[in-house]
């Protein structure tokens, strides 16, 4: 596992580590205490991924188009 705090991870970093956590838990060869720590880390990573995806969705939703469907810029999310 990475030493990087979850709050500083990119989506890709968090997703990669989350996949590793899930893989370890699915194997079932981890001690109970370690499984609990892995599960907690996985929950943090899942939340980070969800947050980053929501941010990306909001950015995409803010893209404005002209009459022909061409991007013209972005609009504040509040106006959506």
PDB file of N, CA and C in Angstrom:
ATOM      1  N   UNK A   1       0.827  -1.182   0.000  1.00  0.00           N
ATOM      2  CA  UNK A   1       0.000   0.000   0.000  1.00  0.00           C
ATOM      3  C   UNK A   1       0.870   1.244   0.000  1.00  0.00           C
ATOM      4  N   UNK A   2       0.301   2.281  -0.515  1.00  0.00           N
ATOM      5  CA  UNK A   2       1.006   3.549  -0.637  1.00  0.00           C
ATOM      6  C   UNK A   2       1.058   4.280   0.707  1.00  0.00           C
ATOM      7  N   UNK A   3       2.106   5.072   0.886  1.00  0.00           N
ATOM      8  CA  UNK A   3       2.213   5.918   2.072  1.00  0.00           C
ATOM      9  C   UNK A   3       1.535   7.267   1.846  1.00  0.00           C
ATOM     10  N   UNK A   4       1.096   7.511   0.621  1.00  0.00           N
ATOM     11  CA  UNK A   4       0.436   8.762   0.278  1.00  0.00           C
ATOM     12  C   UNK A   4      -0.912   8.851   0.985  1.00  0.00           C
ATOM     13  N   UNK A   5      -1.201   9.968   1.653  1.00  0.00           N
ATOM     14  CA  UNK A   5      -2.528  10.115   2.260  1.00  0.00           C
ATOM     15  C   UNK A   5      -3.612  10.024   1.178  1.00  0.00           C
ATOM     16  N   UNK A   6      -4.698   9.364   1.490  1.00  0.00           N
ATOM     17  CA  UNK A   6      -5.775   9.172   0.522  1.00  0.00           C
ATOM     18  C   UNK A   6      -6.261  10.516  -0.007  1.00  0.00           C
ATOM     19  N   UNK A   7      -6.318  11.517   0.834  1.00  0.00           N
ATOM     20  CA  UNK A   7      -6.829  12.833   0.426  1.00  0.00           C
ATOM     21  C   UNK A   7      -5.953  13.519  -0.617  1.00  0.00           C
ATOM     22  N   UNK A   8      -4.731  13.040  -0.809  1.00  0.00           N
ATOM     23  CA  UNK A   8      -3.827  13.632  -1.789  1.00  0.00           C
ATOM     24  C   UNK A   8      -3.707  12.795  -3.061  1.00  0.00           C
ATOM     25  N   UNK A   9      -4.408  11.681  -3.123  1.00  0.00           N
ATOM     26  CA  UNK A   9      -4.284  10.775  -4.274  1.00  0.00           C
ATOM     27  C   UNK A   9      -5.127  11.247  -5.449  1.00  0.00           C
ATOM     28  N   UNK A  10      -4.618  10.984  -6.640  1.00  0.00           N
ATOM     29  CA  UNK A  10      -5.420  11.196  -7.840  1.00  0.00           C
ATOM     30  C   UNK A  10      -6.433  10.061  -7.926  1.00  0.00           C
ATOM     31  N   UNK A  11      -7.387  10.199  -8.818  1.00  0.00           N
ATOM     32  CA  UNK A  11      -8.369   9.132  -9.023  1.00  0.00           C
ATOM     33  C   UNK A  11      -7.663   7.830  -9.382  1.00  0.00           C
ATOM     34  N   UNK A  12      -6.712   7.914 -10.303  1.00  0.00           N
ATOM     35  CA  UNK A  12      -6.028   6.717 -10.782  1.00  0.00           C
ATOM     36  C   UNK A  12      -5.235   6.022  -9.669  1.00  0.00           C
ATOM     37  N   UNK A  13      -4.561   6.817  -8.840  1.00  0.00           N
ATOM     38  CA  UNK A  13      -3.800   6.242  -7.730  1.00  0.00           C
ATOM     39  C   UNK A  13      -4.723   5.538  -6.735  1.00  0.00           C
ATOM     40  N   UNK A  14      -5.823   6.209  -6.401  1.00  0.00           N
ATOM     41  CA  UNK A  14      -6.768   5.638  -5.442  1.00  0.00           C
ATOM     42  C   UNK A  14      -7.412   4.377  -5.999  1.00  0.00           C
ATOM     43  N   UNK A  15      -7.759   4.388  -7.271  1.00  0.00           N
ATOM     44  CA  UNK A  15      -8.393   3.218  -7.879  1.00  0.00           C
ATOM     45  C   UNK A  15      -7.430   2.034  -7.914  1.00  0.00           C
ATOM     46  N   UNK A  16      -6.188   2.290  -8.252  1.00  0.00           N
ATOM     47  CA  UNK A  16      -5.194   1.219  -8.313  1.00  0.00           C
ATOM     48  C   UNK A  16      -5.008   0.582  -6.940  1.00  0.00           C
ATOM     49  N   UNK A  17      -4.881   1.420  -5.918  1.00  0.00           N
ATOM     50  CA  UNK A  17      -4.700   0.870  -4.576  1.00  0.00           C
ATOM     51  C   UNK A  17      -5.969   0.159  -4.110  1.00  0.00           C
ATOM     52  N   UNK A  18      -7.130   0.690  -4.453  1.00  0.00           N
ATOM     53  CA  UNK A  18      -8.387   0.042  -4.080  1.00  0.00           C
ATOM     54  C   UNK A  18      -8.458  -1.355  -4.692  1.00  0.00           C
ATOM     55  N   UNK A  19      -8.046  -1.492  -5.929  1.00  0.00           N
ATOM     56  CA  UNK A  19      -8.024  -2.804  -6.578  1.00  0.00           C
ATOM     57  C   UNK A  19      -7.099  -3.766  -5.834  1.00  0.00           C
ATOM     58  N   UNK A  20      -5.963  -3.260  -5.361  1.00  0.00           N
ATOM     59  CA  UNK A  20      -5.025  -4.097  -4.610  1.00  0.00           C
ATOM     60  C   UNK A  20      -5.638  -4.536  -3.278  1.00  0.00           C
ATOM     61  N   UNK A  21      -6.325  -3.615  -2.610  1.00  0.00           N
ATOM     62  CA  UNK A  21      -6.967  -3.927  -1.334  1.00  0.00           C
ATOM     63  C   UNK A  21      -8.024  -5.011  -1.539  1.00  0.00           C
ATOM     64  N   UNK A  22      -8.862  -4.832  -2.544  1.00  0.00           N
ATOM     65  CA  UNK A  22      -9.917  -5.809  -2.816  1.00  0.00           C
ATOM     66  C   UNK A  22      -9.315  -7.175  -3.112  1.00  0.00           C
ATOM     67  N   UNK A  23      -8.265  -7.187  -3.899  1.00  0.00           N
ATOM     68  CA  UNK A  23      -7.602  -8.451  -4.242  1.00  0.00           C
ATOM     69  C   UNK A  23      -7.100  -9.165  -2.991  1.00  0.00           C
ATOM     70  N   UNK A  24      -6.467  -8.432  -2.089  1.00  0.00           N
ATOM     71  CA  UNK A  24      -5.953  -9.026  -0.851  1.00  0.00           C
ATOM     72  C   UNK A  24      -7.094  -9.573   0.008  1.00  0.00           C
ATOM     73  N   UNK A  25      -8.176  -8.814   0.100  1.00  0.00           N
ATOM     74  CA  UNK A  25      -9.305  -9.251   0.907  1.00  0.00           C
ATOM     75  C   UNK A  25      -9.991 -10.478   0.292  1.00  0.00           C
ATOM     76  N   UNK A  26     -10.088 -10.518  -1.025  1.00  0.00           N
ATOM     77  CA  UNK A  26     -10.718 -11.654  -1.696  1.00  0.00           C
ATOM     78  C   UNK A  26      -9.920 -12.945  -1.535  1.00  0.00           C
ATOM     79  N   UNK A  27      -8.595 -12.832  -1.459  1.00  0.00           N
ATOM     80  CA  UNK A  27      -7.761 -14.027  -1.284  1.00  0.00           C
ATOM     81  C   UNK A  27      -8.049 -14.699   0.045  1.00  0.00           C
ATOM     82  N   UNK A  28      -8.371 -13.901   1.051  1.00  0.00           N
ATOM     83  CA  UNK A  28      -8.734 -14.449   2.343  1.00  0.00           C
ATOM     84  C   UNK A  28      -7.573 -14.952   3.174  1.00  0.00           C
ATOM     85  N   UNK A  29      -6.358 -14.642   2.791  1.00  0.00           N
ATOM     86  CA  UNK A  29      -5.199 -15.124   3.546  1.00  0.00           C
ATOM     87  C   UNK A  29      -4.577 -14.037   4.417  1.00  0.00           C
ATOM     88  N   UNK A  30      -5.383 -13.053   4.787  1.00  0.00           N
ATOM     89  CA  UNK A  30      -4.914 -11.944   5.609  1.00  0.00           C
ATOM     90  C   UNK A  30      -5.482 -12.123   7.014  1.00  0.00           C
ATOM     91  N   UNK A  31      -4.671 -11.869   8.019  1.00  0.00           N
ATOM     92  CA  UNK A  31      -5.124 -11.967   9.407  1.00  0.00           C
ATOM     93  C   UNK A  31      -6.296 -11.022   9.653  1.00  0.00           C
ATOM     94  N   UNK A  32      -7.127 -11.350  10.619  1.00  0.00           N
ATOM     95  CA  UNK A  32      -8.331 -10.581  10.898  1.00  0.00           C
ATOM     96  C   UNK A  32      -8.035  -9.102  11.135  1.00  0.00           C
ATOM     97  N   UNK A  33      -7.073  -8.803  11.982  1.00  0.00           N
ATOM     98  CA  UNK A  33      -6.741  -7.405  12.282  1.00  0.00           C
ATOM     99  C   UNK A  33      -6.288  -6.668  11.021  1.00  0.00           C
ATOM    100  N   UNK A  34      -5.491  -7.328  10.200  1.00  0.00           N
ATOM    101  CA  UNK A  34      -5.041  -6.726   8.942  1.00  0.00           C
ATOM    102  C   UNK A  34      -6.203  -6.555   7.973  1.00  0.00           C
ATOM    103  N   UNK A  35      -7.132  -7.503   7.989  1.00  0.00           N
ATOM    104  CA  UNK A  35      -8.317  -7.405   7.128  1.00  0.00           C
ATOM    105  C   UNK A  35      -9.143  -6.180   7.490  1.00  0.00           C
ATOM    106  N   UNK A  36      -9.260  -5.924   8.779  1.00  0.00           N
ATOM    107  CA  UNK A  36     -10.027  -4.760   9.232  1.00  0.00           C
ATOM    108  C   UNK A  36      -9.350  -3.481   8.761  1.00  0.00           C
ATOM    109  N   UNK A  37      -8.037  -3.404   8.897  1.00  0.00           N
ATOM    110  CA  UNK A  37      -7.294  -2.222   8.433  1.00  0.00           C
ATOM    111  C   UNK A  37      -7.427  -2.055   6.919  1.00  0.00           C
ATOM    112  N   UNK A  38      -7.341  -3.168   6.197  1.00  0.00           N
ATOM    113  CA  UNK A  38      -7.494  -3.112   4.743  1.00  0.00           C
ATOM    114  C   UNK A  38      -8.890  -2.623   4.366  1.00  0.00           C
ATOM    115  N   UNK A  39      -9.896  -3.134   5.058  1.00  0.00           N
ATOM    116  CA  UNK A  39     -11.271  -2.737   4.774  1.00  0.00           C
ATOM    117  C   UNK A  39     -11.447  -1.236   5.007  1.00  0.00           C
ATOM    118  N   UNK A  40     -10.899  -0.733   6.118  1.00  0.00           N
ATOM    119  CA  UNK A  40     -10.998   0.697   6.414  1.00  0.00           C
ATOM    120  C   UNK A  40     -10.296   1.525   5.345  1.00  0.00           C
ATOM    121  N   UNK A  41      -9.120   1.076   4.932  1.00  0.00           N
ATOM    122  CA  UNK A  41      -8.372   1.785   3.875  1.00  0.00           C
ATOM    123  C   UNK A  41      -9.175   1.751   2.576  1.00  0.00           C
ATOM    124  N   UNK A  42      -9.746   0.600   2.280  1.00  0.00           N
ATOM    125  CA  UNK A  42     -10.562   0.467   1.077  1.00  0.00           C
ATOM    126  C   UNK A  42     -11.756   1.401   1.077  1.00  0.00           C
ATOM    127  N   UNK A  43     -12.382   1.558   2.230  1.00  0.00           N
ATOM    128  CA  UNK A  43     -13.524   2.471   2.335  1.00  0.00           C
ATOM    129  C   UNK A  43     -13.089   3.909   2.060  1.00  0.00           C
ATOM    130  N   UNK A  44     -11.929   4.297   2.590  1.00  0.00           N
ATOM    131  CA  UNK A  44     -11.398   5.641   2.330  1.00  0.00           C
ATOM    132  C   UNK A  44     -11.102   5.827   0.843  1.00  0.00           C
ATOM    133  N   UNK A  45     -10.489   4.817   0.239  1.00  0.00           N
ATOM    134  CA  UNK A  45     -10.141   4.891  -1.177  1.00  0.00           C
ATOM    135  C   UNK A  45     -11.394   4.973  -2.042  1.00  0.00           C
ATOM    136  N   UNK A  46     -12.416   4.206  -1.705  1.00  0.00           N
ATOM    137  CA  UNK A  46     -13.678   4.235  -2.452  1.00  0.00           C
ATOM    138  C   UNK A  46     -14.289   5.629  -2.393  1.00  0.00           C
ATOM    139  N   UNK A  47     -14.286   6.212  -1.206  1.00  0.00           N
ATOM    140  CA  UNK A  47     -14.837   7.562  -1.042  1.00  0.00           C
ATOM    141  C   UNK A  47     -14.056   8.568  -1.878  1.00  0.00           C
ATOM    142  N   UNK A  48     -12.733   8.433  -1.906  1.00  0.00           N
ATOM    143  CA  UNK A  48     -11.895   9.348  -2.703  1.00  0.00           C
ATOM    144  C   UNK A  48     -12.233   9.222  -4.185  1.00  0.00           C
ATOM    145  N   UNK A  49     -12.371   7.983  -4.654  1.00  0.00           N
ATOM    146  CA  UNK A  49     -12.708   7.760  -6.065  1.00  0.00           C
ATOM    147  C   UNK A  49     -14.059   8.380  -6.400  1.00  0.00           C
ATOM    148  N   UNK A  50     -15.040   8.193  -5.516  1.00  0.00           N
ATOM    149  CA  UNK A  50     -16.360   8.771  -5.745  1.00  0.00           C
ATOM    150  C   UNK A  50     -16.303  10.292  -5.794  1.00  0.00           C
ATOM    151  N   UNK A  51     -15.511  10.887  -4.904  1.00  0.00           N
ATOM    152  CA  UNK A  51     -15.368  12.342  -4.874  1.00  0.00           C
ATOM    153  C   UNK A  51     -14.747  12.856  -6.169  1.00  0.00           C
ATOM    154  N   UNK A  52     -13.669  12.195  -6.607  1.00  0.00           N
ATOM    155  CA  UNK A  52     -12.991  12.625  -7.841  1.00  0.00           C
ATOM    156  C   UNK A  52     -13.905  12.458  -9.050  1.00  0.00           C
ATOM    157  N   UNK A  53     -14.697  11.388  -9.093  1.00  0.00           N
ATOM    158  CA  UNK A  53     -15.640  11.194 -10.202  1.00  0.00           C
ATOM    159  C   UNK A  53     -16.706  12.284 -10.197  1.00  0.00           C
ATOM    160  N   UNK A  54     -17.213  12.629  -9.029  1.00  0.00           N
ATOM    161  CA  UNK A  54     -18.218  13.684  -8.941  1.00  0.00           C
ATOM    162  C   UNK A  54     -17.646  15.012  -9.424  1.00  0.00           C
ATOM    163  N   UNK A  55     -16.405  15.309  -9.047  1.00  0.00           N
ATOM    164  CA  UNK A  55     -15.758  16.537  -9.516  1.00  0.00           C
ATOM    165  C   UNK A  55     -15.667  16.549 -11.042  1.00  0.00           C
ATOM    166  N   UNK A  56     -15.293  15.424 -11.612  1.00  0.00           N
ATOM    167  CA  UNK A  56     -15.174  15.341 -13.073  1.00  0.00           C
ATOM    168  C   UNK A  56     -16.542  15.511 -13.733  1.00  0.00           C
ATOM    169  N   UNK A  57     -17.581  14.888 -13.171  1.00  0.00           N
ATOM    170  CA  UNK A  57     -18.928  15.023 -13.725  1.00  0.00           C
ATOM    171  C   UNK A  57     -19.388  16.468 -13.691  1.00  0.00           C
ATOM    172  N   UNK A  58     -19.079  17.176 -12.607  1.00  0.00           N
ATOM    173  CA  UNK A  58     -19.467  18.580 -12.498  1.00  0.00           C
ATOM    174  C   UNK A  58     -18.745  19.434 -13.533  1.00  0.00           C
ATOM    175  N   UNK A  59     -17.488  19.129 -13.794  1.00  0.00           N
ATOM    176  CA  UNK A  59     -16.744  19.875 -14.816  1.00  0.00           C
ATOM    177  C   UNK A  59     -17.338  19.631 -16.200  1.00  0.00           C
ATOM    178  N   UNK A  60     -17.687  18.393 -16.487  1.00  0.00           N
ATOM    179  CA  UNK A  60     -18.283  18.073 -17.784  1.00  0.00           C
ATOM    180  C   UNK A  60     -19.646  18.752 -17.909  1.00  0.00           C
ATOM    181  N   UNK A  61     -20.431  18.733 -16.841  1.00  0.00           N
ATOM    182  CA  UNK A  61     -21.753  19.359 -16.873  1.00  0.00           C
ATOM    183  C   UNK A  61     -21.661  20.861 -17.085  1.00  0.00           C
ATOM    184  N   UNK A  62     -20.537  21.470 -16.720  1.00  0.00           N
ATOM    185  CA  UNK A  62     -20.382  22.919 -16.828  1.00  0.00           C
ATOM    186  C   UNK A  62     -19.945  23.369 -18.220  1.00  0.00           C
ATOM    187  N   UNK A  63     -19.618  22.436 -19.099  1.00  0.00           N
ATOM    188  CA  UNK A  63     -19.202  22.814 -20.454  1.00  0.00           C
ATOM    189  C   UNK A  63     -20.424  23.330 -21.218  1.00  0.00           C
ATOM    190  N   UNK A  64     -20.284  24.516 -21.804  1.00  0.00           N
ATOM    191  CA  UNK A  64     -21.386  25.085 -22.572  1.00  0.00           C
ATOM    192  C   UNK A  64     -21.139  24.858 -24.058  1.00  0.00           C
ATOM    193  N   UNK A  65     -22.226  24.704 -24.782  1.00  0.00           N
ATOM    194  CA  UNK A  65     -22.157  24.451 -26.222  1.00  0.00           C
ATOM    195  C   UNK A  65     -22.860  25.570 -26.981  1.00  0.00           C
ATOM    196  N   UNK A  66     -22.402  25.810 -28.220  1.00  0.00           N
ATOM    197  CA  UNK A  66     -23.098  26.775 -29.057  1.00  0.00           C
ATOM    198  C   UNK A  66     -24.238  26.066 -29.779  1.00  0.00           C
ATOM    199  N   UNK A  67     -24.909  26.760 -30.649  1.00  0.00           N
ATOM    200  CA  UNK A  67     -26.048  26.207 -31.369  1.00  0.00           C
ATOM    201  C   UNK A  67     -25.720  24.988 -32.219  1.00  0.00           C
ATOM    202  N   UNK A  68     -24.465  24.840 -32.612  1.00  0.00           N
ATOM    203  CA  UNK A  68     -24.046  23.707 -33.432  1.00  0.00           C
ATOM    204  C   UNK A  68     -23.441  22.576 -32.602  1.00  0.00           C
ATOM    205  N   UNK A  69     -23.471  22.737 -31.278  1.00  0.00           N
ATOM    206  CA  UNK A  69     -22.941  21.692 -30.415  1.00  0.00           C
ATOM    207  C   UNK A  69     -21.455  21.768 -30.153  1.00  0.00           C
ATOM    208  N   UNK A  70     -20.828  22.878 -30.529  1.00  0.00           N
ATOM    209  CA  UNK A  70     -19.397  23.044 -30.286  1.00  0.00           C
ATOM    210  C   UNK A  70     -19.168  23.659 -28.909  1.00  0.00           C
ATOM    211  N   UNK A  71     -18.173  23.165 -28.177  1.00  0.00           N
ATOM    212  CA  UNK A  71     -17.874  23.749 -26.865  1.00  0.00           C
ATOM    213  C   UNK A  71     -17.488  25.222 -26.993  1.00  0.00           C
ATOM    214  N   UNK A  72     -18.060  26.057 -26.140  1.00  0.00           N
ATOM    215  CA  UNK A  72     -17.747  27.480 -26.170  1.00  0.00           C
ATOM    216  C   UNK A  72     -17.088  27.947 -24.882  1.00  0.00           C
ATOM    217  N   UNK A  73     -17.040  27.117 -23.892  1.00  0.00           N
ATOM    218  CA  UNK A  73     -16.457  27.485 -22.601  1.00  0.00           C
ATOM    219  C   UNK A  73     -17.143  26.702 -21.512  1.00  0.00           C
ATOM    220  N   UNK A  74     -17.084  27.260 -20.335  1.00  0.00           N
ATOM    221  CA  UNK A  74     -17.723  26.595 -19.212  1.00  0.00           C
ATOM    222  C   UNK A  74     -18.657  27.571 -18.505  1.00  0.00           C
ATOM    223  N   UNK A  75     -19.638  27.004 -17.850  1.00  0.00           N
ATOM    224  CA  UNK A  75     -20.574  27.800 -17.063  1.00  0.00           C
ATOM    225  C   UNK A  75     -20.389  27.426 -15.604  1.00  0.00           C
ATOM    226  N   UNK A  76     -20.607  28.338 -14.700  1.00  0.00           N
ATOM    227  CA  UNK A  76     -20.521  27.982 -13.278  1.00  0.00           C
ATOM    228  C   UNK A  76     -21.490  26.863 -12.952  1.00  0.00           C
ATOM    229  N   UNK A  77     -21.077  25.958 -12.094  1.00  0.00           N
ATOM    230  CA  UNK A  77     -21.896  24.811 -11.733  1.00  0.00           C
ATOM    231  C   UNK A  77     -23.218  25.262 -11.116  1.00  0.00           C
ATOM    232  N   UNK A  78     -23.225  26.395 -10.390  1.00  0.00           N
ATOM    233  CA  UNK A  78     -24.431  26.871  -9.733  1.00  0.00           C
ATOM    234  C   UNK A  78     -25.556  27.142 -10.742  1.00  0.00           C
ATOM    235  N   UNK A  79     -25.208  27.463 -11.983  1.00  0.00           N
ATOM    236  CA  UNK A  79     -26.202  27.791 -12.992  1.00  0.00           C
ATOM    237  C   UNK A  79     -26.796  26.556 -13.652  1.00  0.00           C
ATOM    238  N   UNK A  80     -26.302  25.406 -13.315  1.00  0.00           N
ATOM    239  CA  UNK A  80     -26.746  24.182 -13.971  1.00  0.00           C
ATOM    240  C   UNK A  80     -28.055  23.708 -13.383  1.00  0.00           C
TER     241      UNK A  80
END
